[in-house]
Amino acid sequence: MRKQKRRCQSSLTFENLWQEWLDTKLFITGKSRKMEGMGDEEIFKSLPADERKALLVKKDDFAAKAGIENSVRAVMSREICSCSFYYFLT
């Protein structure tokens, strides 16, 4: 039970850090491309498909480095994927 709780907390922490990284990246991208005033989702949607995919591939890279690769893929297949704009690729 304790191990499962830690894994859950680690996944949640990872998701929060990932979302913060993505939000920051989108903010910087929007600012450099004169998209100020647009929200994160609008900025993400306006990026070319290859740039959107490259941002999302980073999530797997970060997860692998953190040693939670399998947890992230499982989570991404559920509702959290919408938090990281994953659904815009489909």
PDB file of N, CA and C in Angstrom:
ATOM      1  N   MET A   1       0.822  -1.192   0.000  1.00  0.00           N
ATOM      2  CA  MET A   1       0.000   0.000   0.000  1.00  0.00           C
ATOM      3  C   MET A   1       0.864   1.253   0.000  1.00  0.00           C
ATOM      4  N   ARG A   2       1.901   1.279   0.831  1.00  0.00           N
ATOM      5  CA  ARG A   2       2.780   2.432   0.909  1.00  0.00           C
ATOM      6  C   ARG A   2       3.504   2.681  -0.411  1.00  0.00           C
ATOM      7  N   LYS A   3       3.973   1.612  -1.023  1.00  0.00           N
ATOM      8  CA  LYS A   3       4.693   1.725  -2.289  1.00  0.00           C
ATOM      9  C   LYS A   3       3.780   2.313  -3.369  1.00  0.00           C
ATOM     10  N   GLN A   4       2.536   1.864  -3.392  1.00  0.00           N
ATOM     11  CA  GLN A   4       1.573   2.358  -4.373  1.00  0.00           C
ATOM     12  C   GLN A   4       1.281   3.851  -4.140  1.00  0.00           C
ATOM     13  N   LYS A   5       1.189   4.251  -2.882  1.00  0.00           N
ATOM     14  CA  LYS A   5       0.931   5.649  -2.561  1.00  0.00           C
ATOM     15  C   LYS A   5       2.101   6.519  -3.021  1.00  0.00           C
ATOM     16  N   ARG A   6       3.332   6.047  -2.777  1.00  0.00           N
ATOM     17  CA  ARG A   6       4.512   6.789  -3.221  1.00  0.00           C
ATOM     18  C   ARG A   6       4.548   6.913  -4.733  1.00  0.00           C
ATOM     19  N   ARG A   7       4.211   5.827  -5.421  1.00  0.00           N
ATOM     20  CA  ARG A   7       4.204   5.848  -6.879  1.00  0.00           C
ATOM     21  C   ARG A   7       3.171   6.844  -7.387  1.00  0.00           C
ATOM     22  N   CYS A   8       2.024   6.869  -6.729  1.00  0.00           N
ATOM     23  CA  CYS A   8       0.962   7.798  -7.098  1.00  0.00           C
ATOM     24  C   CYS A   8       1.419   9.239  -6.873  1.00  0.00           C
ATOM     25  N   GLN A   9       2.066   9.487  -5.737  1.00  0.00           N
ATOM     26  CA  GLN A   9       2.561  10.826  -5.449  1.00  0.00           C
ATOM     27  C   GLN A   9       3.659  11.222  -6.429  1.00  0.00           C
ATOM     28  N   SER A  10       4.527  10.267  -6.773  1.00  0.00           N
ATOM     29  CA  SER A  10       5.590  10.554  -7.736  1.00  0.00           C
ATOM     30  C   SER A  10       5.009  10.902  -9.095  1.00  0.00           C
ATOM     31  N   SER A  11       4.004  10.168  -9.514  1.00  0.00           N
ATOM     32  CA  SER A  11       3.363  10.445 -10.799  1.00  0.00           C
ATOM     33  C   SER A  11       2.682  11.799 -10.794  1.00  0.00           C
ATOM     34  N   LEU A  12       2.032  12.119  -9.689  1.00  0.00           N
ATOM     35  CA  LEU A  12       1.362  13.412  -9.574  1.00  0.00           C
ATOM     36  C   LEU A  12       2.390  14.547  -9.589  1.00  0.00           C
ATOM     37  N   THR A  13       3.477  14.379  -8.859  1.00  0.00           N
ATOM     38  CA  THR A  13       4.540  15.379  -8.854  1.00  0.00           C
ATOM     39  C   THR A  13       5.108  15.541 -10.250  1.00  0.00           C
ATOM     40  N   PHE A  14       5.345  14.423 -10.922  1.00  0.00           N
ATOM     41  CA  PHE A  14       5.862  14.479 -12.292  1.00  0.00           C
ATOM     42  C   PHE A  14       4.892  15.241 -13.195  1.00  0.00           C
ATOM     43  N   GLU A  15       3.613  14.924 -13.100  1.00  0.00           N
ATOM     44  CA  GLU A  15       2.612  15.591 -13.936  1.00  0.00           C
ATOM     45  C   GLU A  15       2.591  17.094 -13.665  1.00  0.00           C
ATOM     46  N   ASN A  16       2.675  17.472 -12.398  1.00  0.00           N
ATOM     47  CA  ASN A  16       2.686  18.895 -12.054  1.00  0.00           C
ATOM     48  C   ASN A  16       3.925  19.596 -12.608  1.00  0.00           C
ATOM     49  N   LEU A  17       5.079  18.962 -12.461  1.00  0.00           N
ATOM     50  CA  LEU A  17       6.311  19.538 -12.995  1.00  0.00           C
ATOM     51  C   LEU A  17       6.268  19.597 -14.523  1.00  0.00           C
ATOM     52  N   TRP A  18       5.736  18.547 -15.127  1.00  0.00           N
ATOM     53  CA  TRP A  18       5.608  18.526 -16.587  1.00  0.00           C
ATOM     54  C   TRP A  18       4.717  19.676 -17.058  1.00  0.00           C
ATOM     55  N   GLN A  19       3.587  19.853 -16.411  1.00  0.00           N
ATOM     56  CA  GLN A  19       2.657  20.903 -16.807  1.00  0.00           C
ATOM     57  C   GLN A  19       3.297  22.275 -16.659  1.00  0.00           C
ATOM     58  N   GLU A  20       4.052  22.454 -15.589  1.00  0.00           N
ATOM     59  CA  GLU A  20       4.754  23.724 -15.367  1.00  0.00           C
ATOM     60  C   GLU A  20       5.780  23.971 -16.472  1.00  0.00           C
ATOM     61  N   TRP A  21       6.531  22.929 -16.830  1.00  0.00           N
ATOM     62  CA  TRP A  21       7.529  23.047 -17.900  1.00  0.00           C
ATOM     63  C   TRP A  21       6.850  23.399 -19.217  1.00  0.00           C
ATOM     64  N   LEU A  22       5.770  22.697 -19.539  1.00  0.00           N
ATOM     65  CA  LEU A  22       5.059  22.925 -20.793  1.00  0.00           C
ATOM     66  C   LEU A  22       4.462  24.335 -20.836  1.00  0.00           C
ATOM     67  N   ASP A  23       3.851  24.753 -19.742  1.00  0.00           N
ATOM     68  CA  ASP A  23       3.286  26.101 -19.688  1.00  0.00           C
ATOM     69  C   ASP A  23       4.357  27.165 -19.912  1.00  0.00           C
ATOM     70  N   THR A  24       5.505  26.978 -19.274  1.00  0.00           N
ATOM     71  CA  THR A  24       6.613  27.924 -19.425  1.00  0.00           C
ATOM     72  C   THR A  24       7.122  27.940 -20.856  1.00  0.00           C
ATOM     73  N   LYS A  25       7.287  26.769 -21.424  1.00  0.00           N
ATOM     74  CA  LYS A  25       7.764  26.659 -22.811  1.00  0.00           C
ATOM     75  C   LYS A  25       6.787  27.349 -23.769  1.00  0.00           C
ATOM     76  N   LEU A  26       5.503  27.129 -23.570  1.00  0.00           N
ATOM     77  CA  LEU A  26       4.498  27.759 -24.427  1.00  0.00           C
ATOM     78  C   LEU A  26       4.468  29.275 -24.234  1.00  0.00           C
ATOM     79  N   PHE A  27       4.648  29.731 -23.000  1.00  0.00           N
ATOM     80  CA  PHE A  27       4.694  31.163 -22.734  1.00  0.00           C
ATOM     81  C   PHE A  27       5.868  31.805 -23.476  1.00  0.00           C
ATOM     82  N   ILE A  28       7.041  31.187 -23.372  1.00  0.00           N
ATOM     83  CA  ILE A  28       8.237  31.714 -24.038  1.00  0.00           C
ATOM     84  C   ILE A  28       8.062  31.681 -25.553  1.00  0.00           C
ATOM     85  N   THR A  29       7.511  30.597 -26.066  1.00  0.00           N
ATOM     86  CA  THR A  29       7.264  30.483 -27.506  1.00  0.00           C
ATOM     87  C   THR A  29       6.292  31.560 -27.961  1.00  0.00           C
ATOM     88  N   GLY A  30       5.218  31.735 -27.225  1.00  0.00           N
ATOM     89  CA  GLY A  30       4.222  32.748 -27.577  1.00  0.00           C
ATOM     90  C   GLY A  30       4.798  34.147 -27.558  1.00  0.00           C
ATOM     91  N   LYS A  31       5.616  34.418 -26.583  1.00  0.00           N
ATOM     92  CA  LYS A  31       6.220  35.747 -26.452  1.00  0.00           C
ATOM     93  C   LYS A  31       7.189  36.015 -27.606  1.00  0.00           C
ATOM     94  N   SER A  32       7.980  35.014 -27.965  1.00  0.00           N
ATOM     95  CA  SER A  32       8.965  35.202 -29.030  1.00  0.00           C
ATOM     96  C   SER A  32       8.324  35.279 -30.423  1.00  0.00           C
ATOM     97  N   ARG A  33       7.113  34.761 -30.550  1.00  0.00           N
ATOM     98  CA  ARG A  33       6.431  34.769 -31.852  1.00  0.00           C
ATOM     99  C   ARG A  33       5.293  35.788 -31.902  1.00  0.00           C
ATOM    100  N   LYS A  34       5.314  36.717 -31.025  1.00  0.00           N
ATOM    101  CA  LYS A  34       4.300  37.784 -30.993  1.00  0.00           C
ATOM    102  C   LYS A  34       2.880  37.236 -30.838  1.00  0.00           C
ATOM    103  N   MET A  35       2.715  36.243 -29.966  1.00  0.00           N
ATOM    104  CA  MET A  35       1.411  35.657 -29.684  1.00  0.00           C
ATOM    105  C   MET A  35       0.942  36.062 -28.298  1.00  0.00           C
ATOM    106  N   GLU A  36       1.471  37.171 -27.802  1.00  0.00           N
ATOM    107  CA  GLU A  36       1.104  37.616 -26.469  1.00  0.00           C
ATOM    108  C   GLU A  36      -0.408  37.828 -26.384  1.00  0.00           C
ATOM    109  N   GLY A  37      -0.952  37.490 -25.255  1.00  0.00           N
ATOM    110  CA  GLY A  37      -2.386  37.604 -25.069  1.00  0.00           C
ATOM    111  C   GLY A  37      -3.125  36.313 -25.387  1.00  0.00           C
ATOM    112  N   MET A  38      -2.456  35.384 -26.042  1.00  0.00           N
ATOM    113  CA  MET A  38      -3.069  34.089 -26.335  1.00  0.00           C
ATOM    114  C   MET A  38      -2.843  33.160 -25.141  1.00  0.00           C
ATOM    115  N   GLY A  39      -3.770  32.264 -24.918  1.00  0.00           N
ATOM    116  CA  GLY A  39      -3.611  31.267 -23.866  1.00  0.00           C
ATOM    117  C   GLY A  39      -2.723  30.121 -24.323  1.00  0.00           C
ATOM    118  N   ASP A  40      -2.343  29.283 -23.374  1.00  0.00           N
ATOM    119  CA  ASP A  40      -1.471  28.142 -23.688  1.00  0.00           C
ATOM    120  C   ASP A  40      -2.068  27.244 -24.769  1.00  0.00           C
ATOM    121  N   GLU A  41      -3.352  26.963 -24.661  1.00  0.00           N
ATOM    122  CA  GLU A  41      -3.987  26.072 -25.638  1.00  0.00           C
ATOM    123  C   GLU A  41      -3.974  26.695 -27.032  1.00  0.00           C
ATOM    124  N   GLU A  42      -4.235  27.986 -27.103  1.00  0.00           N
ATOM    125  CA  GLU A  42      -4.226  28.672 -28.403  1.00  0.00           C
ATOM    126  C   GLU A  42      -2.826  28.663 -29.014  1.00  0.00           C
ATOM    127  N   ILE A  43      -1.837  28.918 -28.183  1.00  0.00           N
ATOM    128  CA  ILE A  43      -0.453  28.889 -28.672  1.00  0.00           C
ATOM    129  C   ILE A  43      -0.118  27.491 -29.165  1.00  0.00           C
ATOM    130  N   PHE A  44      -0.460  26.483 -28.363  1.00  0.00           N
ATOM    131  CA  PHE A  44      -0.163  25.101 -28.737  1.00  0.00           C
ATOM    132  C   PHE A  44      -0.826  24.739 -30.065  1.00  0.00           C
ATOM    133  N   LYS A  45      -2.104  25.096 -30.217  1.00  0.00           N
ATOM    134  CA  LYS A  45      -2.834  24.785 -31.456  1.00  0.00           C
ATOM    135  C   LYS A  45      -2.228  25.483 -32.667  1.00  0.00           C
ATOM    136  N   SER A  46      -1.652  26.660 -32.465  1.00  0.00           N
ATOM    137  CA  SER A  46      -1.106  27.422 -33.593  1.00  0.00           C
ATOM    138  C   SER A  46       0.276  26.928 -34.031  1.00  0.00           C
ATOM    139  N   LEU A  47       0.905  26.081 -33.233  1.00  0.00           N
ATOM    140  CA  LEU A  47       2.211  25.546 -33.609  1.00  0.00           C
ATOM    141  C   LEU A  47       2.062  24.512 -34.716  1.00  0.00           C
ATOM    142  N   PRO A  48       3.071  24.384 -35.567  1.00  0.00           N
ATOM    143  CA  PRO A  48       3.058  23.310 -36.559  1.00  0.00           C
ATOM    144  C   PRO A  48       3.021  21.946 -35.863  1.00  0.00           C
ATOM    145  N   ALA A  49       2.454  20.956 -36.519  1.00  0.00           N
ATOM    146  CA  ALA A  49       2.293  19.617 -35.933  1.00  0.00           C
ATOM    147  C   ALA A  49       3.613  19.036 -35.441  1.00  0.00           C
ATOM    148  N   ASP A  50       4.695  19.248 -36.183  1.00  0.00           N
ATOM    149  CA  ASP A  50       5.976  18.680 -35.763  1.00  0.00           C
ATOM    150  C   ASP A  50       6.484  19.327 -34.474  1.00  0.00           C
ATOM    151  N   GLU A  51       6.219  20.608 -34.269  1.00  0.00           N
ATOM    152  CA  GLU A  51       6.617  21.275 -33.028  1.00  0.00           C
ATOM    153  C   GLU A  51       5.769  20.803 -31.854  1.00  0.00           C
ATOM    154  N   ARG A  52       4.461  20.608 -32.094  1.00  0.00           N
ATOM    155  CA  ARG A  52       3.590  20.087 -31.027  1.00  0.00           C
ATOM    156  C   ARG A  52       4.063  18.707 -30.600  1.00  0.00           C
ATOM    157  N   LYS A  53       4.358  17.882 -31.586  1.00  0.00           N
ATOM    158  CA  LYS A  53       4.799  16.520 -31.282  1.00  0.00           C
ATOM    159  C   LYS A  53       6.129  16.540 -30.537  1.00  0.00           C
ATOM    160  N   ALA A  54       7.046  17.398 -30.944  1.00  0.00           N
ATOM    161  CA  ALA A  54       8.356  17.487 -30.286  1.00  0.00           C
ATOM    162  C   ALA A  54       8.197  17.869 -28.809  1.00  0.00           C
ATOM    163  N   LEU A  55       7.278  18.767 -28.523  1.00  0.00           N
ATOM    164  CA  LEU A  55       7.039  19.141 -27.123  1.00  0.00           C
ATOM    165  C   LEU A  55       6.530  17.951 -26.323  1.00  0.00           C
ATOM    166  N   LEU A  56       5.623  17.203 -26.896  1.00  0.00           N
ATOM    167  CA  LEU A  56       5.038  16.072 -26.172  1.00  0.00           C
ATOM    168  C   LEU A  56       6.002  14.899 -26.039  1.00  0.00           C
ATOM    169  N   VAL A  57       6.904  14.746 -26.992  1.00  0.00           N
ATOM    170  CA  VAL A  57       7.916  13.691 -26.906  1.00  0.00           C
ATOM    171  C   VAL A  57       8.832  13.958 -25.712  1.00  0.00           C
ATOM    172  N   LYS A  58       9.010  15.234 -25.382  1.00  0.00           N
ATOM    173  CA  LYS A  58       9.831  15.597 -24.227  1.00  0.00           C
ATOM    174  C   LYS A  58       9.290  14.974 -22.948  1.00  0.00           C
ATOM    175  N   LYS A  59       7.979  14.823 -22.867  1.00  0.00           N
ATOM    176  CA  LYS A  59       7.384  14.235 -21.669  1.00  0.00           C
ATOM    177  C   LYS A  59       7.905  12.819 -21.462  1.00  0.00           C
ATOM    178  N   ASP A  60       7.937  12.033 -22.526  1.00  0.00           N
ATOM    179  CA  ASP A  60       8.480  10.674 -22.425  1.00  0.00           C
ATOM    180  C   ASP A  60       9.963  10.704 -22.068  1.00  0.00           C
ATOM    181  N   ASP A  61      10.698  11.648 -22.646  1.00  0.00           N
ATOM    182  CA  ASP A  61      12.131  11.772 -22.335  1.00  0.00           C
ATOM    183  C   ASP A  61      12.336  12.066 -20.848  1.00  0.00           C
ATOM    184  N   PHE A  62      11.593  13.046 -20.343  1.00  0.00           N
ATOM    185  CA  PHE A  62      11.708  13.403 -18.927  1.00  0.00           C
ATOM    186  C   PHE A  62      11.302  12.230 -18.040  1.00  0.00           C
ATOM    187  N   ALA A  63      10.241  11.540 -18.415  1.00  0.00           N
ATOM    188  CA  ALA A  63       9.758  10.406 -17.616  1.00  0.00           C
ATOM    189  C   ALA A  63      10.800   9.301 -17.574  1.00  0.00           C
ATOM    190  N   ALA A  64      11.426   9.016 -18.704  1.00  0.00           N
ATOM    191  CA  ALA A  64      12.460   7.975 -18.750  1.00  0.00           C
ATOM    192  C   ALA A  64      13.632   8.349 -17.845  1.00  0.00           C
ATOM    193  N   LYS A  65      14.026   9.621 -17.884  1.00  0.00           N
ATOM    194  CA  LYS A  65      15.123  10.077 -17.029  1.00  0.00           C
ATOM    195  C   LYS A  65      14.751   9.999 -15.552  1.00  0.00           C
ATOM    196  N   ALA A  66      13.482  10.190 -15.255  1.00  0.00           N
ATOM    197  CA  ALA A  66      13.015  10.132 -13.868  1.00  0.00           C
ATOM    198  C   ALA A  66      12.727   8.702 -13.420  1.00  0.00           C
ATOM    199  N   GLY A  67      12.760   7.773 -14.355  1.00  0.00           N
ATOM    200  CA  GLY A  67      12.511   6.378 -14.019  1.00  0.00           C
ATOM    201  C   GLY A  67      11.042   6.046 -13.833  1.00  0.00           C
ATOM    202  N   ILE A  68      10.161   6.834 -14.415  1.00  0.00           N
ATOM    203  CA  ILE A  68       8.725   6.556 -14.282  1.00  0.00           C
ATOM    204  C   ILE A  68       8.066   6.410 -15.650  1.00  0.00           C
ATOM    205  N   GLU A  69       8.823   5.955 -16.585  1.00  0.00           N
ATOM    206  CA  GLU A  69       8.377   5.818 -17.968  1.00  0.00           C
ATOM    207  C   GLU A  69       7.057   5.067 -18.102  1.00  0.00           C
ATOM    208  N   ASN A  70       6.950   3.918 -17.461  1.00  0.00           N
ATOM    209  CA  ASN A  70       5.726   3.128 -17.607  1.00  0.00           C
ATOM    210  C   ASN A  70       4.527   3.808 -16.977  1.00  0.00           C
ATOM    211  N   SER A  71       4.716   4.460 -15.850  1.00  0.00           N
ATOM    212  CA  SER A  71       3.619   5.149 -15.182  1.00  0.00           C
ATOM    213  C   SER A  71       3.056   6.258 -16.054  1.00  0.00           C
ATOM    214  N   VAL A  72       3.938   7.007 -16.684  1.00  0.00           N
ATOM    215  CA  VAL A  72       3.503   8.136 -17.503  1.00  0.00           C
ATOM    216  C   VAL A  72       2.712   7.654 -18.703  1.00  0.00           C
ATOM    217  N   ARG A  73       3.171   6.620 -19.353  1.00  0.00           N
ATOM    218  CA  ARG A  73       2.438   6.118 -20.514  1.00  0.00           C
ATOM    219  C   ARG A  73       1.057   5.634 -20.111  1.00  0.00           C
ATOM    220  N   ALA A  74       0.961   5.011 -18.967  1.00  0.00           N
ATOM    221  CA  ALA A  74      -0.345   4.552 -18.489  1.00  0.00           C
ATOM    222  C   ALA A  74      -1.250   5.744 -18.203  1.00  0.00           C
ATOM    223  N   VAL A  75      -0.703   6.758 -17.592  1.00  0.00           N
ATOM    224  CA  VAL A  75      -1.481   7.944 -17.269  1.00  0.00           C
ATOM    225  C   VAL A  75      -1.882   8.675 -18.535  1.00  0.00           C
ATOM    226  N   MET A  76      -0.977   8.772 -19.491  1.00  0.00           N
ATOM    227  CA  MET A  76      -1.272   9.491 -20.726  1.00  0.00           C
ATOM    228  C   MET A  76      -2.414   8.853 -21.493  1.00  0.00           C
ATOM    229  N   SER A  77      -2.640   7.583 -21.295  1.00  0.00           N
ATOM    230  CA  SER A  77      -3.724   6.924 -22.008  1.00  0.00           C
ATOM    231  C   SER A  77      -5.076   7.200 -21.353  1.00  0.00           C
ATOM    232  N   ARG A  78      -5.056   7.869 -20.199  1.00  0.00           N
ATOM    233  CA  ARG A  78      -6.302   8.216 -19.514  1.00  0.00           C
ATOM    234  C   ARG A  78      -6.535   9.715 -19.598  1.00  0.00           C
ATOM    235  N   GLU A  79      -7.248  10.241 -18.633  1.00  0.00           N
ATOM    236  CA  GLU A  79      -7.707  11.623 -18.703  1.00  0.00           C
ATOM    237  C   GLU A  79      -6.621  12.675 -18.570  1.00  0.00           C
ATOM    238  N   ILE A  80      -5.485  12.388 -17.978  1.00  0.00           N
ATOM    239  CA  ILE A  80      -4.466  13.414 -17.766  1.00  0.00           C
ATOM    240  C   ILE A  80      -3.864  13.885 -19.079  1.00  0.00           C
ATOM    241  N   CYS A  81      -3.951  13.072 -20.108  1.00  0.00           N
ATOM    242  CA  CYS A  81      -3.372  13.474 -21.392  1.00  0.00           C
ATOM    243  C   CYS A  81      -3.958  14.799 -21.868  1.00  0.00           C
ATOM    244  N   SER A  82      -5.192  15.081 -21.541  1.00  0.00           N
ATOM    245  CA  SER A  82      -5.778  16.347 -21.971  1.00  0.00           C
ATOM    246  C   SER A  82      -5.121  17.527 -21.274  1.00  0.00           C
ATOM    247  N   CYS A  83      -4.582  17.306 -20.082  1.00  0.00           N
ATOM    248  CA  CYS A  83      -3.915  18.392 -19.359  1.00  0.00           C
ATOM    249  C   CYS A  83      -2.646  18.838 -20.069  1.00  0.00           C
ATOM    250  N   SER A  84      -2.025  17.957 -20.790  1.00  0.00           N
ATOM    251  CA  SER A  84      -0.790  18.324 -21.482  1.00  0.00           C
ATOM    252  C   SER A  84      -1.024  18.492 -22.977  1.00  0.00           C
ATOM    253  N   PHE A  85      -2.253  18.762 -23.348  1.00  0.00           N
ATOM    254  CA  PHE A  85      -2.643  19.039 -24.737  1.00  0.00           C
ATOM    255  C   PHE A  85      -2.409  17.855 -25.680  1.00  0.00           C
ATOM    256  N   TYR A  86      -2.267  16.667 -25.113  1.00  0.00           N
ATOM    257  CA  TYR A  86      -2.008  15.482 -25.925  1.00  0.00           C
ATOM    258  C   TYR A  86      -3.104  15.255 -26.955  1.00  0.00           C
ATOM    259  N   TYR A  87      -4.329  15.586 -26.586  1.00  0.00           N
ATOM    260  CA  TYR A  87      -5.464  15.315 -27.471  1.00  0.00           C
ATOM    261  C   TYR A  87      -5.438  16.181 -28.724  1.00  0.00           C
ATOM    262  N   PHE A  88      -4.664  17.250 -28.778  1.00  0.00           N
ATOM    263  CA  PHE A  88      -4.609  18.078 -29.968  1.00  0.00           C
ATOM    264  C   PHE A  88      -3.870  17.399 -31.126  1.00  0.00           C
ATOM    265  N   LEU A  89      -3.094  16.366 -30.818  1.00  0.00           N
ATOM    266  CA  LEU A  89      -2.382  15.666 -31.877  1.00  0.00           C
ATOM    267  C   LEU A  89      -3.292  14.755 -32.683  1.00  0.00           C
ATOM    268  N   THR A  90      -4.380  14.350 -32.063  1.00  0.00           N
ATOM    269  CA  THR A  90      -5.263  13.394 -32.759  1.00  0.00           C
ATOM    270  C   THR A  90      -6.268  14.089 -33.635  1.00  0.00           C
TER     271      THR A  90
END
